[in-house]
Protein backbone atom coordinates (compact mmCIF):
# COMPACT_ATOMS: atom_id res chain seq x y z
CA MET A 1 232.91 -14.75 -20.72
CA LEU A 2 236.50 -14.62 -20.46
CA THR A 3 238.06 -15.48 -23.74
CA GLY A 4 234.78 -15.20 -25.73
CA TYR A 5 234.80 -18.93 -26.61
CA LYS A 6 233.33 -22.02 -25.18
CA ALA A 7 236.67 -24.18 -25.32
CA GLY A 8 238.44 -21.00 -24.22
CA HIS A 9 240.87 -20.42 -26.75
CA PRO A 10 240.45 -19.99 -30.74
CA ASP A 11 241.97 -23.48 -31.86
CA GLY A 12 238.41 -24.71 -30.48
CA ALA A 13 235.93 -22.12 -31.82
CA ALA A 14 232.82 -22.93 -33.24
CA ALA A 15 230.77 -21.36 -36.01
CA GLY A 16 229.87 -18.30 -34.99
CA LYS A 17 231.70 -18.37 -32.46
CA PRO A 18 232.65 -15.57 -30.28
CA LEU A 19 229.97 -13.81 -29.62
CA PRO A 20 229.39 -10.66 -30.03
CA SER A 21 228.59 -9.49 -26.26
CA PHE A 22 231.36 -11.71 -24.81
CA HIS A 23 234.10 -10.75 -27.97
CA SER A 24 237.88 -10.34 -26.50
CA ASP A 25 237.52 -7.03 -27.40
CA LEU A 26 235.28 -5.47 -25.17
CA PRO A 27 235.82 -4.75 -21.69
CA LEU A 28 234.94 -6.98 -18.73
CA GLY A 29 233.02 -5.44 -17.24
CA GLU A 30 230.55 -5.09 -20.07
CA ARG A 31 231.44 -9.03 -20.75
CA THR A 32 230.52 -10.02 -17.29
CA ALA A 33 227.40 -7.57 -16.97
CA ALA A 34 226.38 -9.98 -19.98
CA LYS A 35 226.89 -13.12 -18.69
CA ALA A 36 225.11 -12.48 -15.04
CA ALA A 37 222.09 -11.03 -17.51
CA GLU A 38 222.22 -14.66 -18.96
CA LEU A 39 222.28 -16.54 -15.92
CA GLY A 40 220.15 -14.57 -13.70
CA VAL A 41 222.58 -13.75 -10.93
CA SER A 42 224.71 -10.05 -10.00
CA PRO A 43 227.70 -9.02 -11.58
CA ARG A 44 229.11 -9.33 -8.34
CA THR A 45 228.30 -13.34 -8.07
CA ILE A 46 230.28 -13.33 -11.47
CA ASP A 47 233.09 -11.74 -9.95
CA ARG A 48 233.22 -14.28 -7.12
CA TRP A 49 232.99 -17.34 -9.38
CA VAL A 50 235.81 -15.44 -11.69
CA ALA A 51 237.78 -14.96 -8.84
CA ALA A 52 237.69 -18.68 -7.66
CA TYR A 53 238.12 -19.72 -11.02
CA ARG A 54 241.43 -18.43 -11.59
CA GLN A 55 242.58 -19.74 -8.06
CA ALA A 56 241.73 -23.13 -8.72
CA GLY A 57 240.07 -24.47 -11.73
CA GLU A 58 236.71 -25.58 -12.21
CA ALA A 59 236.76 -27.16 -8.83
CA GLY A 60 236.65 -24.04 -7.66
CA LEU A 61 233.15 -23.24 -8.86
CA VAL A 62 231.88 -26.30 -6.90
CA ASP A 63 228.90 -25.09 -4.97
CA THR A 64 230.62 -25.43 -0.89
CA ARG A 65 227.02 -25.09 0.24
CA ALA A 66 226.08 -28.32 -1.63
CA LEU A 67 228.63 -30.81 0.19
CA LYS A 68 228.18 -32.93 2.87
CA GLY A 69 229.12 -31.49 6.21
CA ARG A 70 230.44 -28.85 4.70
CA GLY A 71 227.80 -26.41 5.16
CA SER A 72 229.04 -25.09 8.45
CA ARG A 73 232.51 -24.84 7.04
CA VAL A 74 234.10 -27.45 9.60
CA ASP A 75 238.00 -28.62 9.03
CA PRO A 76 237.66 -32.43 7.76
CA ARG A 77 240.41 -32.74 10.15
CA TRP A 78 237.96 -32.33 12.84
CA ASP A 79 235.96 -34.43 11.59
CA GLU A 80 238.37 -37.06 11.02
CA VAL A 81 238.99 -37.20 14.85
CA LEU A 82 235.63 -37.11 16.04
CA ARG A 83 234.80 -40.21 14.24
CA ARG A 84 238.43 -41.60 16.21
CA VAL A 85 236.96 -40.49 19.47
CA LEU A 86 233.53 -41.94 18.93
CA ALA A 87 234.98 -45.45 17.58
CA GLU A 88 237.57 -45.57 20.76
CA SER A 89 234.53 -45.10 23.27
CA VAL A 90 232.66 -48.02 21.82
CA ASN A 91 232.92 -50.25 24.46
CA ALA A 92 233.40 -47.37 27.03
CA SER A 93 230.51 -46.27 29.44
CA THR A 94 227.94 -43.66 28.04
CA PRO A 95 229.67 -40.12 27.92
CA THR A 96 227.98 -36.81 28.14
CA ARG A 97 228.48 -34.48 24.67
CA SER A 98 230.12 -31.82 26.23
CA ALA A 99 232.66 -34.86 26.92
CA VAL A 100 233.25 -35.59 23.30
CA LEU A 101 233.66 -32.65 22.00
CA ARG A 102 236.49 -31.70 24.57
CA ARG A 103 238.22 -34.95 24.13
CA VAL A 104 238.21 -33.80 20.70
CA GLU A 105 239.44 -30.58 21.18
CA ASP A 106 242.56 -32.07 23.10
CA GLN A 107 243.47 -34.47 20.07
CA VAL A 108 242.67 -31.66 17.44
CA GLN A 109 245.36 -28.72 20.12
CA GLU A 110 247.70 -32.16 20.59
CA GLU A 111 248.30 -33.13 16.77
CA PHE A 112 247.72 -30.21 15.07
CA GLY A 113 247.95 -27.11 17.15
CA ASP A 114 246.11 -24.04 15.83
CA ALA A 115 246.50 -24.95 11.59
CA VAL A 116 242.97 -26.68 11.83
CA PRO A 117 240.33 -24.07 13.16
CA LEU A 118 238.49 -25.02 16.34
CA PRO A 119 234.34 -24.90 14.82
CA SER A 120 231.76 -23.09 17.05
CA ARG A 121 230.16 -24.49 20.32
CA ALA A 122 226.90 -24.13 18.66
CA THR A 123 228.81 -26.01 15.22
CA ALA A 124 230.39 -28.52 17.16
CA TYR A 125 226.93 -29.81 18.99
CA ARG A 126 225.24 -29.95 15.21
CA ARG A 127 228.26 -31.63 13.84
CA LEU A 128 228.20 -34.02 16.96
CA THR A 129 224.47 -34.87 16.41
CA GLU A 130 224.88 -35.41 11.96
CA LEU A 131 227.64 -37.78 13.01
CA THR A 132 226.54 -40.00 15.75
CA LYS A 133 222.87 -40.29 13.92
CA GLY A 134 222.04 -44.16 14.54
CA THR A 135 224.93 -45.33 16.39
CA ASN A 136 223.66 -44.67 20.67
CA ALA A 137 226.94 -42.57 20.71
CA VAL A 138 225.94 -40.32 23.42
CA SER A 139 222.94 -41.48 24.06
CA GLY A 140 220.27 -44.75 24.69
CA SER A 141 221.58 -48.29 26.03
CA ALA A 142 225.61 -48.86 25.95
CA LYS A 143 224.43 -52.86 24.92
CA ALA A 144 222.87 -51.18 21.59
CA ARG A 145 225.60 -49.52 20.95
CA ARG A 146 228.13 -52.35 21.16
CA SER A 147 225.92 -54.30 18.71
CA ILE A 148 225.49 -51.37 16.31
CA ALA A 149 229.36 -51.48 16.44
CA ASP A 150 229.17 -55.27 15.78
CA ARG A 151 227.07 -55.24 12.98
CA PRO A 152 227.87 -55.82 9.41
CA ARG A 153 228.86 -52.99 7.18
CA GLY A 154 227.73 -53.64 4.29
CA THR A 155 224.38 -55.75 3.18
CA TYR A 156 223.21 -58.35 5.94
CA GLY A 157 223.39 -61.57 4.94
CA ARG A 158 220.11 -63.57 5.48
CA LEU A 159 220.01 -67.89 6.05
CA ARG A 160 217.38 -69.09 4.38
CA ALA A 161 215.28 -71.71 5.15
CA THR A 162 213.42 -73.65 2.58
CA ARG A 163 211.34 -76.18 4.90
CA PRO A 164 210.31 -77.08 8.30
CA GLY A 165 212.84 -78.87 10.40
CA GLU A 166 215.78 -77.11 8.21
CA PHE A 167 216.95 -74.87 11.05
CA VAL A 168 216.23 -74.40 14.69
CA VAL A 169 217.45 -71.88 16.30
CA LEU A 170 218.32 -71.99 19.97
CA ASP A 171 219.06 -69.17 22.13
CA THR A 172 218.75 -68.05 25.97
CA GLN A 173 217.59 -64.76 27.12
CA ASP A 174 216.83 -63.07 30.46
CA LEU A 175 213.20 -62.57 31.25
CA ASP A 176 212.43 -58.92 33.16
CA ILE A 177 210.58 -60.26 35.68
CA TYR A 178 211.35 -61.75 38.69
CA ALA A 179 209.59 -65.62 40.21
CA MET A 180 209.32 -66.94 43.20
CA GLU A 181 211.34 -70.32 44.01
CA PRO A 182 209.45 -72.50 46.67
CA ILE A 183 211.79 -73.22 49.16
CA THR A 184 213.64 -70.50 50.58
CA CYS A 185 209.98 -67.28 49.47
CA ARG A 186 212.75 -65.55 47.68
CA TRP A 187 211.98 -63.85 44.79
CA VAL A 188 215.17 -64.76 42.07
CA PRO A 189 215.94 -63.91 38.18
CA VAL A 190 214.73 -66.18 35.49
CA GLN A 191 215.91 -67.32 31.96
CA LEU A 192 213.95 -68.36 29.09
CA THR A 193 215.92 -70.89 26.68
CA VAL A 194 213.64 -71.85 23.24
CA ALA A 195 214.12 -73.58 20.37
CA GLN A 196 212.75 -72.13 16.94
CA ASP A 197 212.36 -73.63 13.15
CA LEU A 198 213.43 -70.76 11.05
CA PHE A 199 211.27 -71.76 8.09
CA SER A 200 208.00 -71.23 10.36
CA ARG A 201 208.79 -69.02 13.44
CA CYS A 202 207.69 -71.77 15.14
CA ILE A 203 208.52 -72.28 18.76
CA VAL A 204 209.48 -76.12 19.27
CA GLY A 205 210.32 -76.40 22.67
CA LEU A 206 211.21 -73.63 25.78
CA ARG A 207 212.13 -73.85 29.45
CA VAL A 208 212.85 -71.39 32.41
CA THR A 209 214.91 -71.83 35.24
CA ALA A 210 216.29 -70.15 37.94
CA CYS A 211 219.48 -67.95 37.76
CA SER A 212 221.11 -69.48 34.97
CA THR A 213 220.90 -72.08 32.32
CA LYS A 214 222.82 -75.31 32.11
CA ALA A 215 223.34 -77.91 29.87
CA VAL A 216 220.81 -80.46 30.81
CA ASP A 217 218.35 -77.78 30.29
CA VAL A 218 219.66 -77.11 26.86
CA ALA A 219 219.44 -80.79 26.14
CA GLY A 220 215.74 -80.58 27.66
CA VAL A 221 214.73 -78.10 25.22
CA LEU A 222 216.21 -80.08 22.07
CA PHE A 223 214.67 -83.07 23.64
CA GLU A 224 211.13 -81.11 23.43
CA ALA A 225 212.01 -80.17 19.82
CA VAL A 226 212.70 -83.62 18.62
CA CYS A 227 210.67 -85.81 20.80
CA PRO A 228 206.75 -86.11 20.62
CA PRO A 229 204.97 -85.48 24.19
CA MET A 230 204.11 -88.31 25.38
CA GLU A 231 200.28 -88.74 26.03
CA ASP A 232 200.86 -88.18 30.43
CA ALA A 233 202.82 -85.19 29.84
CA PRO A 234 202.24 -82.09 32.04
CA ARG A 235 203.37 -79.07 29.30
CA PRO A 236 200.87 -77.87 27.28
CA GLU A 237 201.69 -78.09 23.87
CA LEU A 238 203.35 -75.50 22.35
CA ALA A 239 202.45 -76.02 18.29
CA PRO A 240 202.72 -78.92 16.03
CA PHE A 241 205.22 -81.35 16.76
CA HIS A 242 208.33 -80.68 14.89
CA GLY A 243 210.87 -83.27 16.11
CA LEU A 244 211.39 -87.04 15.58
CA TRP A 245 208.96 -89.14 13.94
CA ASP A 246 206.38 -91.04 15.57
CA GLN A 247 204.70 -93.49 13.20
CA VAL A 248 204.64 -93.29 8.80
CA VAL A 249 201.82 -91.22 7.83
CA PHE A 250 200.79 -91.12 3.69
CA THR A 251 198.97 -87.47 3.92
CA GLU A 252 198.91 -84.36 5.14
CA GLU A 253 195.39 -83.72 5.57
CA GLU A 254 194.58 -83.41 9.22
CA LEU A 255 196.90 -81.10 10.54
CA VAL A 256 197.05 -81.81 14.57
CA PRO A 257 198.95 -80.04 17.02
CA GLY A 258 200.64 -82.45 19.14
CA GLN A 259 201.78 -84.86 16.52
CA GLY A 260 205.24 -85.73 15.01
CA LEU A 261 206.05 -83.50 11.64
CA CYS A 262 209.54 -83.41 10.50
CA PRO A 263 213.05 -83.55 12.20
CA PRO A 264 215.50 -80.45 13.48
CA GLU A 265 218.34 -80.76 11.10
CA THR A 266 221.04 -78.35 11.47
CA LEU A 267 220.74 -76.08 14.91
CA VAL A 268 222.30 -72.28 14.85
CA ILE A 269 223.69 -71.71 18.48
CA ASP A 270 225.72 -69.21 19.89
CA HIS A 271 228.70 -69.62 22.05
CA GLY A 272 227.11 -69.78 24.78
CA LYS A 273 228.94 -72.70 27.87
CA ALA A 274 225.20 -74.55 27.93
CA PHE A 275 224.69 -74.70 24.18
CA MET A 276 229.01 -75.75 23.47
CA SER A 277 228.97 -78.31 25.97
CA ALA A 278 229.97 -81.82 24.98
CA GLN A 279 226.77 -82.87 26.11
CA VAL A 280 224.50 -81.21 23.82
CA ILE A 281 227.37 -81.94 20.93
CA SER A 282 227.22 -85.69 22.31
CA VAL A 283 222.95 -85.16 21.61
CA CYS A 284 223.65 -83.85 18.35
CA THR A 285 226.26 -86.65 16.90
CA ARG A 286 224.50 -88.84 18.00
CA LEU A 287 220.55 -87.75 16.92
CA GLY A 288 222.54 -86.88 12.95
CA MET A 289 221.63 -83.27 13.61
CA SER A 290 224.81 -80.47 12.13
CA ILE A 291 225.76 -77.71 14.31
CA GLN A 292 226.28 -74.42 12.91
CA PRO A 293 227.45 -71.28 15.79
CA ALA A 294 226.49 -67.66 15.34
CA GLN A 295 229.20 -65.35 14.93
CA PRO A 296 230.62 -64.16 19.02
CA LYS A 297 228.56 -60.30 19.71
CA LYS A 298 226.82 -60.71 16.33
CA PRO A 299 222.51 -60.83 17.08
CA THR A 300 222.08 -60.12 12.85
CA ASP A 301 223.20 -63.92 12.81
CA LYS A 302 220.12 -64.91 14.69
CA PRO A 303 216.97 -61.91 14.78
CA THR A 304 214.21 -64.11 14.73
CA VAL A 305 214.84 -65.31 17.88
CA GLU A 306 216.17 -62.08 19.39
CA ARG A 307 212.52 -60.59 17.31
CA PHE A 308 210.45 -63.85 19.46
CA PHE A 309 212.36 -62.43 22.98
CA ARG A 310 211.11 -58.79 22.28
CA THR A 311 207.86 -59.87 21.46
CA LEU A 312 207.34 -61.81 24.39
CA ARG A 313 208.94 -58.77 26.82
CA GLU A 314 206.14 -56.48 24.95
CA GLY A 315 203.05 -58.69 24.35
CA LEU A 316 203.22 -60.77 27.72
CA ILE A 317 206.21 -60.05 30.39
CA GLN A 318 205.30 -56.54 30.98
CA HIS A 319 201.83 -57.22 31.92
CA LEU A 320 202.66 -59.61 34.33
CA PRO A 321 203.30 -58.66 37.77
CA ALA A 322 206.83 -58.56 39.71
CA TYR A 323 207.82 -57.00 35.92
CA LYS A 324 211.00 -55.02 36.69
CA GLY A 325 211.42 -53.75 33.31
CA PRO A 326 214.62 -53.98 30.51
CA ASP A 327 217.10 -52.00 33.13
CA VAL A 328 217.18 -51.05 36.33
CA HIS A 329 216.05 -47.53 34.93
CA SER A 330 213.08 -48.80 33.93
CA ARG A 331 212.45 -50.70 37.13
CA GLY A 332 209.36 -49.58 39.51
CA GLU A 333 209.97 -49.10 43.17
CA ARG A 334 208.92 -52.07 45.53
CA ILE A 335 208.42 -54.45 43.21
CA GLU A 336 208.23 -57.52 45.63
CA ASP A 337 204.94 -55.81 47.02
CA GLN A 338 203.30 -57.35 44.14
CA ALA A 339 201.94 -60.28 43.23
CA PHE A 340 203.77 -63.25 42.11
CA PHE A 341 204.44 -66.54 39.96
CA TYR A 342 206.57 -69.41 41.06
CA ILE A 343 209.41 -70.37 38.38
CA HIS A 344 206.84 -73.67 37.27
CA GLU A 345 204.04 -70.81 36.79
CA VAL A 346 205.71 -68.02 35.02
CA GLU A 347 206.51 -71.50 32.11
CA GLU A 348 202.98 -72.13 32.02
CA VAL A 349 202.01 -68.49 30.98
CA ILE A 350 204.55 -68.43 28.68
CA ARG A 351 203.63 -71.47 27.24
CA GLU A 352 200.12 -71.01 27.06
CA TRP A 353 200.80 -67.34 25.19
CA VAL A 354 202.61 -68.70 22.61
CA GLY A 355 200.52 -71.19 21.73
CA GLU A 356 197.12 -69.29 21.90
CA VAL A 357 198.44 -66.33 20.84
CA PHE A 358 202.22 -66.07 19.17
CA HIS A 359 201.39 -68.83 16.64
CA ARG A 360 197.97 -67.71 15.13
CA ARG A 361 198.95 -64.50 14.24
CA ALA A 362 200.63 -62.51 11.10
CA HIS A 363 204.42 -62.14 11.02
CA GLU A 364 205.63 -59.61 8.94
CA GLY A 365 208.54 -61.38 8.67
CA LEU A 366 206.99 -65.20 6.51
CA VAL A 367 206.54 -64.42 2.98
CA VAL A 368 205.89 -66.66 0.32
CA PRO A 369 207.44 -65.66 -2.44
CA GLU A 370 204.31 -66.81 -5.16
CA TRP A 371 202.17 -64.29 -2.72
CA PRO A 372 203.67 -61.06 -1.28
CA LYS A 373 201.20 -59.36 0.13
CA LEU A 374 199.46 -62.74 2.08
CA GLU A 375 199.73 -61.96 5.66
CA LEU A 376 200.71 -65.54 7.43
CA SER A 377 200.73 -67.04 10.96
CA PRO A 378 203.51 -69.26 12.11
CA LEU A 379 201.02 -72.27 12.30
CA GLU A 380 200.46 -71.02 8.52
CA MET A 381 203.79 -71.59 7.11
CA LEU A 382 204.17 -74.91 8.94
CA ARG A 383 200.96 -76.10 6.66
CA ILE A 384 202.04 -74.27 3.64
CA GLY A 385 206.07 -75.70 4.34
CA LEU A 386 204.37 -79.25 4.35
CA HIS A 387 202.77 -79.39 1.15
CA ARG A 388 206.14 -78.43 0.05
CA SER A 389 208.65 -80.87 1.26
CA GLY A 390 206.10 -83.82 3.07
CA ARG A 391 206.29 -85.55 6.15
CA LEU A 392 207.97 -88.88 7.33
CA ARG A 393 206.94 -89.49 10.62
CA MET A 394 209.03 -92.94 12.18
CA PRO A 395 208.59 -94.69 15.41
CA ALA A 396 209.99 -92.72 18.50
CA THR A 397 210.48 -94.67 21.67
CA PRO A 398 209.74 -93.04 25.40
CA GLU A 399 214.09 -94.88 25.93
CA LEU A 400 215.26 -91.59 24.04
CA ALA A 401 214.71 -89.74 26.60
CA PHE A 402 218.57 -91.42 27.72
CA GLU A 403 220.09 -90.22 24.66
CA PHE A 404 219.85 -85.91 25.50
CA LEU A 405 221.75 -87.58 29.31
CA GLN A 406 225.23 -86.69 29.92
CA VAL A 407 227.45 -89.12 28.62
CA LYS A 408 229.85 -90.22 30.82
CA PRO A 409 233.16 -93.29 29.94
CA ARG A 410 233.90 -95.59 33.14
CA THR A 411 234.90 -99.24 33.69
CA ILE A 412 232.92 -101.61 35.30
CA GLN A 413 234.64 -103.10 38.62
CA HIS A 414 233.55 -105.90 40.49
CA TYR A 415 231.69 -103.54 42.79
CA GLY A 416 229.82 -101.60 40.28
CA VAL A 417 230.65 -98.30 38.31
CA ASP A 418 232.61 -95.29 40.27
CA VAL A 419 231.08 -91.64 38.99
CA ASP A 420 231.72 -88.67 40.46
CA GLY A 421 233.15 -89.77 43.58
CA LEU A 422 229.52 -91.86 44.04
CA ARG A 423 229.22 -96.21 43.57
CA TYR A 424 226.51 -97.13 41.48
CA ASN A 425 225.53 -101.15 41.08
CA GLY A 426 222.65 -102.87 39.37
CA PRO A 427 222.14 -106.34 38.21
CA ALA A 428 222.72 -104.95 34.42
CA LEU A 429 225.85 -105.07 35.24
CA ASP A 430 226.35 -108.88 35.44
CA GLY A 431 228.40 -110.78 33.05
CA LEU A 432 230.05 -107.14 31.86
CA ARG A 433 232.29 -106.79 35.66
CA GLY A 434 236.23 -106.39 34.85
CA THR A 435 235.74 -106.26 31.16
CA THR A 436 236.58 -104.32 27.98
CA SER A 437 233.53 -102.63 25.76
CA PRO A 438 233.95 -102.92 22.42
CA TYR A 439 233.93 -99.27 21.65
CA GLY A 440 236.66 -97.15 20.48
CA GLY A 441 237.55 -93.34 20.28
CA ARG A 442 237.09 -91.73 23.73
CA PHE A 443 235.84 -94.37 25.25
CA ALA A 444 238.59 -96.55 24.97
CA GLY A 445 238.06 -99.69 26.09
CA ARG A 446 235.85 -97.80 28.69
CA TRP A 447 231.79 -98.33 28.59
CA PRO A 448 229.48 -94.75 28.38
CA PHE A 449 227.53 -94.47 31.85
CA HIS A 450 224.64 -91.68 30.91
CA VAL A 451 223.98 -89.58 33.75
CA ASN A 452 221.53 -87.23 34.54
CA PRO A 453 222.83 -83.91 36.59
CA ASP A 454 219.46 -83.19 38.52
CA ASP A 455 219.49 -86.61 39.87
CA VAL A 456 222.25 -88.41 40.52
CA ARG A 457 220.77 -91.35 42.79
CA PHE A 458 220.46 -93.07 39.41
CA ILE A 459 222.55 -93.50 36.22
CA TYR A 460 221.56 -95.40 32.98
CA PHE A 461 223.39 -98.03 30.95
CA GLN A 462 222.56 -99.83 28.00
CA ASP A 463 222.94 -103.37 27.18
CA PRO A 464 225.27 -103.80 23.55
CA ASP A 465 223.53 -106.92 23.32
CA ASP A 466 219.54 -106.93 22.95
CA GLY A 467 219.70 -102.56 23.27
CA SER A 468 218.35 -102.33 26.00
CA TRP A 469 217.86 -99.89 28.67
CA HIS A 470 218.77 -100.69 32.23
CA THR A 471 219.25 -98.33 35.51
CA LEU A 472 221.90 -98.51 38.26
CA GLU A 473 221.18 -97.77 41.69
CA TRP A 474 223.39 -95.23 43.96
CA GLU A 475 224.19 -97.15 46.93
CA HIS A 476 223.07 -94.85 48.93
CA ALA A 477 219.74 -93.52 47.43
CA PRO A 478 217.54 -95.63 49.31
CA ALA A 479 218.23 -93.04 52.19
CA LEU A 480 217.02 -90.17 49.86
CA ASN A 481 213.39 -89.64 49.29
CA MET A 482 213.90 -87.55 46.75
CA ALA A 483 215.62 -85.86 43.75
CA PHE A 484 219.33 -84.80 44.22
CA SER A 485 222.11 -82.76 41.85
CA ALA A 486 225.72 -83.28 41.48
CA GLU A 487 226.24 -80.08 42.40
CA ALA A 488 224.78 -80.58 45.42
CA ALA A 489 226.56 -84.03 46.05
CA ALA A 490 229.70 -82.32 45.48
CA TYR A 491 228.56 -79.77 48.36
CA ALA A 492 227.48 -82.20 50.95
CA ARG A 493 230.38 -83.86 50.97
CA ARG A 494 232.93 -80.12 51.12
CA LEU A 495 230.76 -78.87 53.68
CA ALA A 496 231.33 -82.19 55.38
CA ALA A 497 235.46 -82.36 54.91
CA ARG A 498 235.46 -78.71 56.17
CA ALA A 499 233.52 -80.01 59.36
CA GLY A 500 236.56 -81.99 59.81
CA ARG A 501 235.48 -85.51 60.16
CA HIS A 502 234.56 -88.50 58.17
CA ILE A 503 232.01 -87.82 55.05
CA ASP A 504 228.83 -89.55 56.01
CA ALA A 505 227.62 -89.44 52.52
CA PRO A 506 224.07 -89.75 53.41
CA ALA A 507 224.10 -88.09 56.68
CA ALA A 508 225.77 -85.13 54.99
CA LEU A 509 222.71 -85.10 52.45
CA GLY A 510 220.57 -85.34 54.94
CA GLN A 511 221.09 -82.47 57.12
CA LEU A 512 222.06 -80.35 53.50
CA LEU A 513 218.23 -80.94 52.91
CA ALA A 514 217.09 -80.37 56.24
CA ARG A 515 218.74 -76.94 56.18
CA TRP A 516 217.01 -75.93 52.43
CA ASP A 517 213.45 -77.33 54.01
CA GLN A 518 214.11 -74.57 56.24
CA GLY A 519 215.09 -71.77 54.00
CA LEU A 520 218.41 -71.72 55.35
CA VAL A 521 220.43 -71.05 53.05
CA THR A 522 224.34 -69.10 53.37
CA ASP A 523 225.88 -68.05 50.02
CA ARG A 524 224.32 -67.36 46.52
CA ARG A 525 225.65 -70.63 44.81
CA GLU A 526 223.81 -72.68 47.72
CA ARG A 527 220.48 -70.40 46.85
CA ARG A 528 220.92 -71.51 43.16
CA MET A 529 220.88 -75.18 44.01
CA ALA A 530 218.44 -75.10 46.21
CA VAL A 531 216.27 -73.50 43.53
CA ARG A 532 217.27 -75.80 40.86
CA LEU A 533 216.29 -78.85 43.33
CA SER A 534 213.16 -77.17 44.28
CA ALA A 535 211.57 -77.17 40.67
CA GLU A 536 208.74 -79.80 40.13
CA ARG A 537 209.69 -81.61 36.85
CA ALA A 538 212.98 -82.06 35.34
CA ALA A 539 214.23 -80.72 32.12
CA LEU A 540 214.23 -84.36 30.57
CA SER A 541 210.75 -86.22 31.43
CA LEU A 542 212.95 -89.63 31.74
CA PRO A 543 210.45 -92.92 31.54
CA THR A 544 210.62 -95.78 34.67
CA LEU A 545 212.74 -98.90 33.62
CA PRO A 546 212.37 -102.18 34.33
CA ASP A 547 215.42 -102.48 37.04
CA GLN A 548 214.55 -99.97 39.01
CA GLY A 549 211.07 -100.16 40.13
CA THR A 550 209.46 -96.80 40.99
CA VAL A 551 209.22 -93.92 38.90
CA HIS A 552 212.25 -91.58 40.05
CA THR A 553 210.90 -88.20 38.92
CA ARG A 554 211.83 -85.40 41.47
CA PRO A 555 208.59 -84.75 43.57
CA GLU A 556 207.85 -81.31 45.96
CA LEU A 557 210.02 -79.73 48.41
CA THR A 558 207.83 -78.36 51.04
CA VAL A 559 208.31 -74.44 52.10
CA VAL A 560 206.99 -75.47 55.60
CA PRO A 561 209.45 -76.60 58.24
CA ASP A 562 208.63 -79.32 60.43
CA PRO A 563 206.63 -78.30 63.53
CA PRO A 564 208.12 -77.51 67.10
CA ARG A 565 208.76 -80.46 69.54
CA GLY A 566 207.00 -79.67 72.55
CA ASP A 567 203.40 -79.67 72.85
CA SER A 568 202.36 -75.87 72.06
CA ASP A 569 199.33 -75.54 70.21
CA ASP A 570 200.38 -71.73 68.94
CA GLU A 571 199.80 -71.98 65.33
CA GLU A 572 202.19 -69.02 64.54
CA GLU A 573 205.01 -70.97 66.03
CA ILE A 574 205.62 -73.91 63.32
CA PHE A 575 207.01 -70.76 61.33
CA ASP A 576 209.64 -69.55 63.55
CA ALA A 577 213.18 -70.21 62.49
CA PRO A 578 216.00 -71.58 65.45
CA ASP A 579 217.15 -69.74 67.57
CA GLY A 580 214.11 -67.29 67.83
CA GLU A 581 214.96 -65.66 63.90
CA ASP A 582 211.79 -64.56 61.93
CA TYR A 583 211.65 -67.48 58.96
CA TYR A 584 210.57 -64.97 56.56
CA ALA A 585 212.69 -61.87 57.56
CA ASP A 586 214.12 -62.33 54.18
CA ALA A 587 211.48 -63.64 52.35
CA PHE A 588 211.53 -61.12 49.63
CA GLU A 589 215.20 -60.58 49.50
CA VAL A 590 216.24 -60.00 46.07
CA ILE A 591 218.91 -62.54 44.46
CA GLU A 592 220.30 -60.83 41.87
């Protein structure tokens, strides 16, 4: 239109050019009218295009309304400051939109002065909505905002399992429910630790604990995942067993729940103290299992187990009494007035739901490449995996449970063994007293002793000659008629030392137990120890050894104190605490 030639100059003229309507001899107004009629726009539009072309060349012809973020004519430097402010607020508390925009305005004025025009209030709110979409920057959960900021920017990687047992994912989650502990009759929060087979999505081990999870609890979950349940096991079966082998089979037919299938090869864990403990790592080393830690603060490394926790909350936990919601903003009023479950009852309900519901319904994440439209449940996926890889089961003995205990190297003296200030002895040490062990490495001539931190009355020793296991008894164990944890024993000694007297271990432990039986606890730590002792089942069901003589499983503690002395027949007096205080005055106190 300006020159009469498509190339812009006569040297590149094609045949029949210039066209008569755009000949350079014609006035520019006539050529403008001809181009407007050809394109179906007004001559005024052509005049604007000509002015933009003469000012910026071909870039001036770009329609700025079609550019992302330029429809409101917001300066890109303002957008850059907004993105920087949002990035700085990831780890802070959730601000309001007006507070974010005020910080942006202050930084723009400080950096650019009046060189950057500020958008109108309505335009600024629209740009903020566009740039914060899907980030939870000014709305939603702050925890979710941090998780979104830490997730990968590119394509998500994926850990793919080709057979059952290849990868087992371990994780712990706070349950959105309160439970009652039977000693002090107080509400306590609970945590759930699970082991999930990545290929089939089956939950192969779980445990519910009060307040916090310890290494012995993780070892108990791992023991359930690798060892077949005994015939008299009190816990219901979660799924067809995935763990270590119990017999050799030559057929894949008749898949029976509760029978051994395939051992875990690699454990995917996070960096929690309980998972990275020496006890868990040593168990995996002895059993030949690899450990693959997930990246810190990367829930995308364990998406299947994170999705299980959400499914559990939406499918079961929210329908139970004493449900407290995922956060304080979702908590109902007077939760303590509702019905409740004890800690072991919560675990039983979860086990039943996992076995009857979760393992038997279709999961969208379970796909067989040959039949991508086929809906599969975890049990069906397990059968497919067994037909692919087969199974081989070898004999597993009950003594395998001792391998999951904490190992402590100690020397054997003429009087026995000292472990954490407690002295143990037994006939199994005869002939080894004062000798040096043949073990090297971290043992360096010392002997390995297996310790259960939930019951310090006994430790366990394996004879290096024939591989048999023996029980060593604490010298004061006959004075106790119940299990006692190492943490509680150390606490009792500190209380005795604080009183300024010589430590009498049996007396100190007896007084502490008597006080806990009456619901008298002084602080949060003491409550947590009492709650763990009140569990009816230990993390590991240890078999009875010949040296021990009696079963040492943890008995249930009573919540009713001894009747008052005297000849009173008033039944209500047995629930009265000393000094006239109401025993149940703080029964519904919630321990956060």
